[in-house]
Protein backbone atom coordinates (compact mmCIF):
# COMPACT_ATOMS: atom_id res chain seq x y z
CA UNK A 1 -0.86 -10.13 11.18
CA UNK A 2 -4.74 -10.23 11.08
CA UNK A 3 -4.48 -7.66 13.52
CA UNK A 4 -2.39 -5.34 11.40
CA UNK A 5 -5.12 -6.02 8.72
CA UNK A 6 -7.82 -4.99 10.80
CA UNK A 7 -6.17 -2.05 11.95
CA UNK A 8 -5.41 -1.03 8.38
CA UNK A 9 -8.98 -1.90 7.24
CA UNK A 10 -10.13 0.69 10.19
CA UNK A 11 -7.99 3.45 8.87
CA UNK A 12 -9.25 2.64 5.39
CA UNK A 13 -12.80 2.98 6.30
CA UNK A 14 -11.89 6.13 8.22
CA UNK A 15 -10.11 7.73 4.94
CA UNK A 16 -12.99 6.59 2.87
CA UNK A 17 -15.30 8.33 5.01
CA UNK A 18 -13.31 11.45 5.39
CA UNK A 19 -12.81 11.64 1.63
CA UNK A 20 -16.59 11.37 1.08
CA UNK A 21 -17.36 14.26 3.53
CA UNK A 22 -14.39 16.55 2.19
CA UNK A 23 -15.34 15.53 -1.42
CA UNK A 24 -19.17 16.93 -0.81
CA UNK A 25 -17.87 20.06 0.83
CA UNK A 26 -15.92 20.78 -2.68
CA UNK A 27 -17.52 23.45 -4.90
CA UNK A 28 -18.48 22.28 -8.54
CA UNK A 29 -15.31 24.29 -9.44
CA UNK A 30 -12.83 22.68 -6.99
CA UNK A 31 -14.11 19.35 -8.14
CA UNK A 32 -13.21 20.08 -11.70
CA UNK A 33 -9.68 20.95 -10.38
CA UNK A 34 -9.11 17.30 -9.00
CA UNK A 35 -7.35 15.23 -11.49
CA UNK A 36 -8.95 12.24 -13.13
CA UNK A 37 -5.95 9.95 -12.47
CA UNK A 38 -6.98 9.91 -8.63
CA UNK A 39 -10.77 10.62 -9.13
CA UNK A 40 -11.34 8.85 -12.50
CA UNK A 41 -14.98 9.81 -14.20
CA UNK A 42 -15.46 6.21 -15.43
CA UNK A 43 -14.36 2.33 -14.66
CA UNK A 44 -12.07 0.79 -17.09
CA UNK A 45 -9.46 -2.11 -17.20
CA UNK A 46 -7.32 0.11 -19.57
CA UNK A 47 -4.45 2.88 -18.72
CA UNK A 48 -2.64 5.17 -20.61
CA UNK A 49 1.12 5.08 -19.36
CA UNK A 50 4.22 6.04 -21.44
CA UNK A 51 2.11 7.10 -24.30
CA UNK A 52 0.62 3.77 -24.88
CA UNK A 53 -2.81 2.30 -23.91
CA UNK A 54 -2.34 -0.84 -21.77
CA UNK A 55 -4.80 -3.27 -20.50
CA UNK A 56 -4.69 -4.29 -16.91
CA UNK A 57 -5.63 -7.73 -15.22
CA UNK A 58 -5.87 -8.87 -11.76
CA UNK A 59 -2.38 -9.53 -9.85
CA UNK A 60 -1.64 -12.95 -8.93
CA UNK A 61 -0.98 -13.78 -5.11
CA UNK A 62 2.94 -13.54 -5.75
CA UNK A 63 2.61 -9.94 -6.77
CA UNK A 64 0.12 -9.06 -4.43
CA UNK A 65 2.26 -10.07 -1.66
CA UNK A 66 5.23 -7.86 -3.08
CA UNK A 67 2.80 -4.68 -3.06
CA UNK A 68 1.59 -5.65 0.37
CA UNK A 69 5.35 -6.05 1.94
CA UNK A 70 6.23 -2.78 0.13
CA UNK A 71 3.00 -0.86 1.62
CA UNK A 72 3.55 -2.40 5.30
CA UNK A 73 5.85 0.65 6.37
CA UNK A 74 3.40 3.19 4.81
CA UNK A 75 0.61 1.77 6.26
CA UNK A 76 2.20 1.62 9.75
CA UNK A 77 3.20 5.39 9.33
CA UNK A 78 -0.51 6.19 8.11
CA UNK A 79 -1.85 4.57 11.68
CA UNK A 80 0.98 6.31 13.64
CA UNK A 81 0.18 9.76 11.84
CA UNK A 82 -0.79 12.57 14.26
CA UNK A 83 -2.80 14.24 11.28
CA UNK A 84 -6.19 12.89 11.24
CA UNK A 85 -8.71 13.28 8.57
CA UNK A 86 -10.50 16.52 8.35
CA UNK A 87 -7.54 18.26 9.82
CA UNK A 88 -7.99 22.08 9.75
CA UNK A 89 -4.94 23.89 11.45
CA UNK A 90 -3.50 25.30 7.72
CA UNK A 91 0.18 25.29 8.97
CA UNK A 92 0.31 21.64 9.91
CA UNK A 93 -1.93 20.84 6.87
CA UNK A 94 0.50 22.19 4.42
CA UNK A 95 3.49 21.13 6.25
CA UNK A 96 1.93 17.40 6.13
CA UNK A 97 1.13 17.75 2.42
CA UNK A 98 4.63 18.86 1.62
CA UNK A 99 6.03 15.91 3.37
CA UNK A 100 3.45 13.66 2.36
CA UNK A 101 3.90 14.58 -1.49
CA UNK A 102 7.41 13.31 -1.44
CA UNK A 103 6.79 10.00 0.22
CA UNK A 104 3.91 9.58 -1.78
CA UNK A 105 5.69 9.71 -4.83
CA UNK A 106 8.42 7.51 -3.87
CA UNK A 107 5.73 4.90 -2.95
CA UNK A 108 3.99 5.44 -5.98
CA UNK A 109 6.94 4.91 -8.25
CA UNK A 110 7.94 1.78 -6.17
CA UNK A 111 4.38 0.25 -6.44
CA UNK A 112 4.28 1.23 -10.19
CA UNK A 113 7.61 -0.57 -10.74
CA UNK A 114 6.24 -3.61 -9.14
CA UNK A 115 3.07 -3.53 -11.52
CA UNK A 116 5.44 -2.75 -14.77
CA UNK A 117 7.42 -6.07 -13.88
CA UNK A 118 3.98 -7.93 -13.38
CA UNK A 119 2.77 -6.91 -16.91
CA UNK A 120 6.60 -7.10 -18.41
CA UNK A 121 6.36 -3.49 -19.55
CA UNK A 122 10.18 -2.90 -19.83
CA UNK A 123 9.50 0.48 -21.27
CA UNK A 124 7.62 1.90 -18.33
CA UNK A 125 10.41 0.09 -15.89
CA UNK A 126 12.91 2.10 -17.77
CA UNK A 127 11.10 5.17 -17.97
CA UNK A 128 10.36 5.02 -14.27
CA UNK A 129 14.09 4.49 -13.40
CA UNK A 130 15.02 7.68 -15.49
CA UNK A 131 11.97 9.46 -13.77
CA UNK A 132 10.78 10.44 -17.33
CA UNK A 133 7.39 9.45 -16.70
CA UNK A 134 4.10 11.66 -15.64
CA UNK A 135 3.20 11.38 -12.08
CA UNK A 136 -0.74 11.22 -13.08
CA UNK A 137 -0.11 8.38 -15.32
CA UNK A 138 1.34 6.31 -12.32
CA UNK A 139 -1.48 7.65 -10.32
CA UNK A 140 -4.10 6.22 -12.92
CA UNK A 141 -2.31 3.20 -13.07
CA UNK A 142 -2.47 2.29 -9.30
CA UNK A 143 -5.97 3.62 -9.16
CA UNK A 144 -7.20 1.35 -12.01
CA UNK A 145 -5.19 -1.51 -10.71
CA UNK A 146 -7.03 -0.98 -7.37
CA UNK A 147 -10.42 -0.96 -8.62
CA UNK A 148 -9.71 -4.04 -10.71
CA UNK A 149 -8.49 -6.02 -7.63
CA UNK A 150 -11.76 -4.94 -5.82
CA UNK A 151 -12.10 -4.37 -2.23
CA UNK A 152 -11.96 -8.09 -1.16
CA UNK A 153 -8.22 -8.46 -1.79
CA UNK A 154 -6.87 -8.35 1.53
CA UNK A 155 -3.18 -8.48 0.41
CA UNK A 156 -3.92 -5.05 -1.55
CA UNK A 157 -5.69 -3.26 1.36
CA UNK A 158 -2.36 -1.11 1.69
CA UNK A 159 -2.83 -0.03 -2.02
CA UNK A 160 -6.62 1.28 -0.99
CA UNK A 161 -5.02 3.11 1.89
CA UNK A 162 -2.40 4.55 -0.39
CA UNK A 163 -4.87 5.60 -2.84
CA UNK A 164 -6.92 7.13 -0.04
CA UNK A 165 -4.14 9.27 1.29
CA UNK A 166 -3.45 10.61 -2.16
CA UNK A 167 -6.91 11.60 -2.50
CA UNK A 168 -6.78 13.19 0.66
CA UNK A 169 -3.84 15.05 -0.13
CA UNK A 170 -5.11 16.36 -3.42
CA UNK A 171 -8.44 17.43 -2.15
CA UNK A 172 -6.46 19.31 0.86
CA UNK A 173 -4.16 20.78 -1.81
CA UNK A 174 -7.15 21.89 -4.24
CA UNK A 175 -9.07 23.47 -0.98
CA UNK A 176 -5.46 25.49 -0.10
CA UNK A 177 -5.21 26.70 -3.72
CA UNK A 178 -8.92 27.72 -3.80
CA UNK A 179 -8.73 29.32 -0.61
CA UNK A 180 -5.97 31.65 -1.80
CA UNK A 181 -6.69 31.81 -5.58
CA UNK A 182 -8.37 35.30 -5.14
CA UNK A 183 -5.26 36.59 -3.05
CA UNK A 184 -2.87 36.91 -5.79
């Protein structure tokens, strides 16, 4: 198990480094196109979900373990992925983004369900089950929870990787959109 965590930690560091480079390469206009859910402008322990402002607190070990177990297959997929940070092959990149967005949405909703159960938010659990919730709200929930937990929570290392991959996919989508926006 420690070997898996060290590999995930190395992958997370690689994703963070690639994100920093990719973020710097974006123009000011492209940076404005990034969602505040994945790239928050401020740090807070509050998040808006299903029309209500909700206060977050750190997860206990029991709930962190559930998130860790849920994300383990995703971490393995990230480690086994042939797509590396900074991929430039547009066809491969677009195919990967299309597939990744569907996978990320499923993982995002599953993690959000665990968080909603932890907080006792029955209304959020119900809305997620009905798919009647905004993706950006769930992204903000996961990002804010990750920020609240801090980097030293090894059980939630997978959460940091998940957020990094979502951010990378959004940066690539914005870059593709920006590249082709003048052609229509």
